[in-house]
Amino acid sequence: MNDQEKVSTYIEKHEHWRSQFTSFRKILGRTELTETVKWGAPSYILQGKIVVGFVGFKHHCALWFQQGVFLKDLRKKLLNAEEGTTRGMRQWCFETGDAVNAKLVRAYVLEAIENQKAGKQIKPIKKELVIPVELAAALKKSSKLRKGFDSLSPGKQREYADNISSARHEKTRLSRLEKTTPMIISGAGLNDHYKT
């Protein structure tokens, strides 16, 4: 299945947001951006970098701008999805029944394209991997777990480590470790199910 077919399938799968997604795709298709799928969602790239994409959630869908922090946002449409965590990405949320103002969306997209061409971007900060005590002990005990964990990307390793260490109580940390052990061994990321 090529990228265009994957995007079509994504739109069909999200029946509730089909109208908005179809509008987004039409607007984005009339730009110099290349349509692809990244992180399981339709994404539009230029110079090898994601500029904009769209995604559906339960209560809203969103048009997200990878380096949206640089957009002027004169109409105040953009939100930081996760204050304190998300540095550059901004999203424009749409709820059931919201119409897509094609002219306004296009203006935001064209500005994002110009920002990409100008090289405006926030560089990601690499987080250090801190393995919680419970996970470290389990990795020493099980060679299968160690092999699975070592095969994960640094980002996926951090997801598991952060998930386990963020629990306040040891009982919860151990429970999370027990639940995620089969996923680690299989090479799956903690949040992979959100990306399909």
Protein backbone atom coordinates (compact mmCIF):
# COMPACT_ATOMS: atom_id res chain seq x y z
CA MET A 1 0.00 0.00 0.00
CA ASN A 2 1.49 3.37 -1.00
CA ASP A 3 1.30 6.53 1.12
CA GLN A 4 -1.70 7.97 -0.71
CA GLU A 5 -3.63 4.73 -0.13
CA LYS A 6 -2.62 4.76 3.53
CA VAL A 7 -3.93 8.32 3.92
CA SER A 8 -7.19 7.35 2.20
CA THR A 9 -7.54 4.37 4.53
CA TYR A 10 -6.84 6.59 7.55
CA ILE A 11 -9.58 9.00 6.47
CA GLU A 12 -12.05 6.17 5.86
CA LYS A 13 -11.25 4.64 9.25
CA HIS A 14 -12.03 7.94 11.02
CA GLU A 15 -15.58 8.22 9.76
CA HIS A 16 -16.52 10.82 12.40
CA TRP A 17 -13.84 13.23 11.11
CA ARG A 18 -14.05 12.35 7.41
CA SER A 19 -15.42 15.75 6.37
CA GLN A 20 -12.65 17.71 8.11
CA PHE A 21 -9.94 15.28 6.98
CA THR A 22 -11.12 15.46 3.38
CA SER A 23 -10.96 19.27 3.55
CA PHE A 24 -7.47 19.20 5.10
CA ARG A 25 -6.23 16.80 2.44
CA LYS A 26 -7.65 18.93 -0.37
CA ILE A 27 -5.99 22.09 1.02
CA LEU A 28 -2.66 20.38 1.66
CA GLY A 29 -2.74 18.67 -1.75
CA ARG A 30 -2.68 22.08 -3.40
CA THR A 31 0.70 22.94 -1.92
CA GLU A 32 4.24 21.79 -2.64
CA LEU A 33 4.14 19.46 0.37
CA THR A 34 4.52 15.71 -0.14
CA GLU A 35 1.86 13.48 1.40
CA THR A 36 3.10 10.60 3.54
CA VAL A 37 2.31 8.78 6.78
CA LYS A 38 4.41 9.34 9.90
CA TRP A 39 3.61 8.17 13.42
CA GLY A 40 0.57 6.42 11.96
CA ALA A 41 -1.09 9.64 10.76
CA PRO A 42 -1.21 11.65 7.53
CA SER A 43 1.78 13.99 7.38
CA TYR A 44 2.98 16.50 4.83
CA ILE A 45 6.68 17.04 4.36
CA LEU A 46 9.08 19.46 2.72
CA GLN A 47 12.86 19.07 2.57
CA GLY A 48 12.55 15.79 4.46
CA LYS A 49 10.82 17.43 7.45
CA ILE A 50 7.22 17.20 8.60
CA VAL A 51 5.52 20.58 8.24
CA VAL A 52 1.90 19.72 9.01
CA GLY A 53 -0.34 16.72 9.57
CA PHE A 54 -3.74 15.76 10.89
CA VAL A 55 -5.02 13.26 13.42
CA GLY A 56 -8.33 12.12 14.88
CA PHE A 57 -9.14 11.67 18.55
CA LYS A 58 -12.32 10.70 20.36
CA HIS A 59 -13.67 14.21 21.00
CA HIS A 60 -11.81 16.28 18.43
CA CYS A 61 -9.57 16.12 15.43
CA ALA A 62 -6.54 18.32 14.93
CA LEU A 63 -4.42 19.87 12.26
CA TRP A 64 -0.95 19.99 13.79
CA PHE A 65 2.02 22.07 12.80
CA GLN A 66 5.37 20.51 13.64
CA GLN A 67 7.04 23.91 14.16
CA GLY A 68 3.81 25.80 14.92
CA VAL A 69 5.49 27.85 17.63
CA PHE A 70 6.88 30.04 14.83
CA LEU A 71 3.49 30.78 13.28
CA LYS A 72 2.09 34.27 13.90
CA ASP A 73 -1.32 32.79 14.82
CA LEU A 74 -3.11 36.13 14.52
CA ARG A 75 -6.49 34.35 14.80
CA LYS A 76 -5.44 32.49 17.98
CA LYS A 77 -6.30 29.06 16.60
CA LEU A 78 -3.26 27.15 17.82
CA LEU A 79 -2.81 25.34 21.12
CA ASN A 80 0.15 23.68 22.77
CA ALA A 81 -1.07 20.10 23.18
CA GLU A 82 1.02 19.47 26.28
CA GLU A 83 2.27 22.55 28.11
CA GLY A 84 5.71 22.01 29.57
CA THR A 85 6.40 19.07 27.27
CA THR A 86 5.69 20.16 23.71
CA ARG A 87 8.04 22.92 22.67
CA GLY A 88 7.52 23.47 18.94
CA MET A 89 4.40 21.62 17.86
CA ARG A 90 1.04 23.38 17.88
CA GLN A 91 -2.40 22.03 17.04
CA TRP A 92 -5.59 23.53 15.68
CA CYS A 93 -8.51 21.57 17.11
CA PHE A 94 -11.82 20.92 15.39
CA GLU A 95 -14.88 19.47 17.10
CA THR A 96 -17.93 17.73 15.65
CA GLY A 97 -19.65 19.97 13.15
CA ASP A 98 -16.84 22.54 12.94
CA ALA A 99 -16.44 23.82 9.40
CA VAL A 100 -12.97 24.11 7.91
CA ASN A 101 -12.21 27.63 6.69
CA ALA A 102 -10.09 26.63 3.70
CA LYS A 103 -8.72 30.12 3.09
CA LEU A 104 -7.57 30.52 6.70
CA VAL A 105 -6.13 27.00 6.95
CA ARG A 106 -4.26 27.56 3.68
CA ALA A 107 -2.78 30.81 5.05
CA TYR A 108 -1.45 28.97 8.13
CA VAL A 109 -0.07 26.14 5.96
CA LEU A 110 1.67 28.53 3.56
CA GLU A 111 3.27 30.37 6.48
CA ALA A 112 4.44 27.02 7.90
CA ILE A 113 5.97 26.15 4.51
CA GLU A 114 7.83 29.47 4.41
CA ASN A 115 9.09 28.89 7.95
CA GLN A 116 10.37 25.46 6.92
CA LYS A 117 12.18 26.95 3.94
CA ALA A 118 13.71 29.57 6.25
CA GLY A 119 15.00 26.79 8.52
CA LYS A 120 12.98 27.83 11.57
CA GLN A 121 12.88 24.96 13.99
CA ILE A 122 13.20 24.12 17.64
CA LYS A 123 15.81 21.46 18.09
CA PRO A 124 14.68 18.56 20.27
CA ILE A 125 16.35 18.22 23.63
CA LYS A 126 17.75 14.75 24.12
CA LYS A 127 16.62 13.35 27.45
CA GLU A 128 18.96 11.15 29.39
CA LEU A 129 17.69 7.62 29.95
CA VAL A 130 17.17 6.99 33.65
CA ILE A 131 16.24 3.38 34.30
CA PRO A 132 14.14 2.90 37.45
CA VAL A 133 15.41 0.43 40.04
CA GLU A 134 12.59 -2.03 39.38
CA LEU A 135 13.27 -2.16 35.65
CA ALA A 136 17.04 -2.41 36.20
CA ALA A 137 16.54 -5.43 38.49
CA ALA A 138 14.22 -7.10 35.97
CA LEU A 139 16.72 -6.50 33.15
CA LYS A 140 19.43 -8.23 35.19
CA LYS A 141 17.18 -11.23 35.87
CA SER A 142 15.85 -11.81 32.35
CA SER A 143 18.04 -12.03 29.27
CA LYS A 144 14.89 -12.02 27.08
CA LEU A 145 13.78 -8.76 28.66
CA ARG A 146 17.29 -7.29 28.32
CA LYS A 147 17.46 -8.28 24.65
CA GLY A 148 14.01 -6.79 23.95
CA PHE A 149 14.80 -3.57 25.81
CA ASP A 150 18.17 -3.15 24.07
CA SER A 151 16.50 -3.59 20.68
CA LEU A 152 14.14 -0.64 21.33
CA SER A 153 14.93 2.85 20.11
CA PRO A 154 16.17 5.27 22.79
CA GLY A 155 12.79 7.05 22.67
CA LYS A 156 10.87 3.83 23.31
CA GLN A 157 13.25 2.90 26.11
CA ARG A 158 12.56 6.29 27.74
CA GLU A 159 8.79 5.79 27.35
CA TYR A 160 8.96 2.56 29.34
CA ALA A 161 11.39 3.93 31.93
CA ASP A 162 9.31 7.09 32.42
CA ASN A 163 6.07 5.11 32.63
CA ILE A 164 7.43 2.89 35.38
CA SER A 165 9.30 5.56 37.33
CA SER A 166 6.40 8.05 37.27
CA ALA A 167 4.36 5.90 39.65
CA ARG A 168 4.65 7.09 43.24
CA HIS A 169 4.24 3.72 44.90
CA GLU A 170 6.49 0.71 44.48
CA LYS A 171 3.45 -1.56 44.06
CA THR A 172 2.29 0.50 41.06
CA ARG A 173 5.79 0.57 39.55
CA LEU A 174 5.98 -3.22 39.81
CA SER A 175 2.49 -3.58 38.33
CA ARG A 176 3.44 -1.39 35.38
CA LEU A 177 6.63 -3.38 34.89
CA GLU A 178 4.66 -6.63 34.89
CA LYS A 179 2.13 -5.29 32.34
CA THR A 180 4.78 -3.92 30.00
CA THR A 181 7.29 -6.78 30.13
CA PRO A 182 5.62 -8.75 27.28
CA MET A 183 5.50 -5.59 25.16
CA ILE A 184 9.20 -4.90 25.74
CA ILE A 185 10.14 -8.49 24.90
CA SER A 186 8.12 -8.31 21.66
CA GLY A 187 9.86 -5.06 20.65
CA ALA A 188 6.68 -2.97 20.76
CA GLY A 189 6.72 0.63 21.94
CA LEU A 190 4.58 1.62 24.91
CA ASN A 191 2.48 4.00 22.80
CA ASP A 192 2.53 2.13 19.46
CA HIS A 193 -1.20 1.41 19.66
CA TYR A 194 -1.87 5.16 19.34
CA LYS A 195 0.11 5.31 16.11
CA THR A 196 -1.94 2.89 14.05
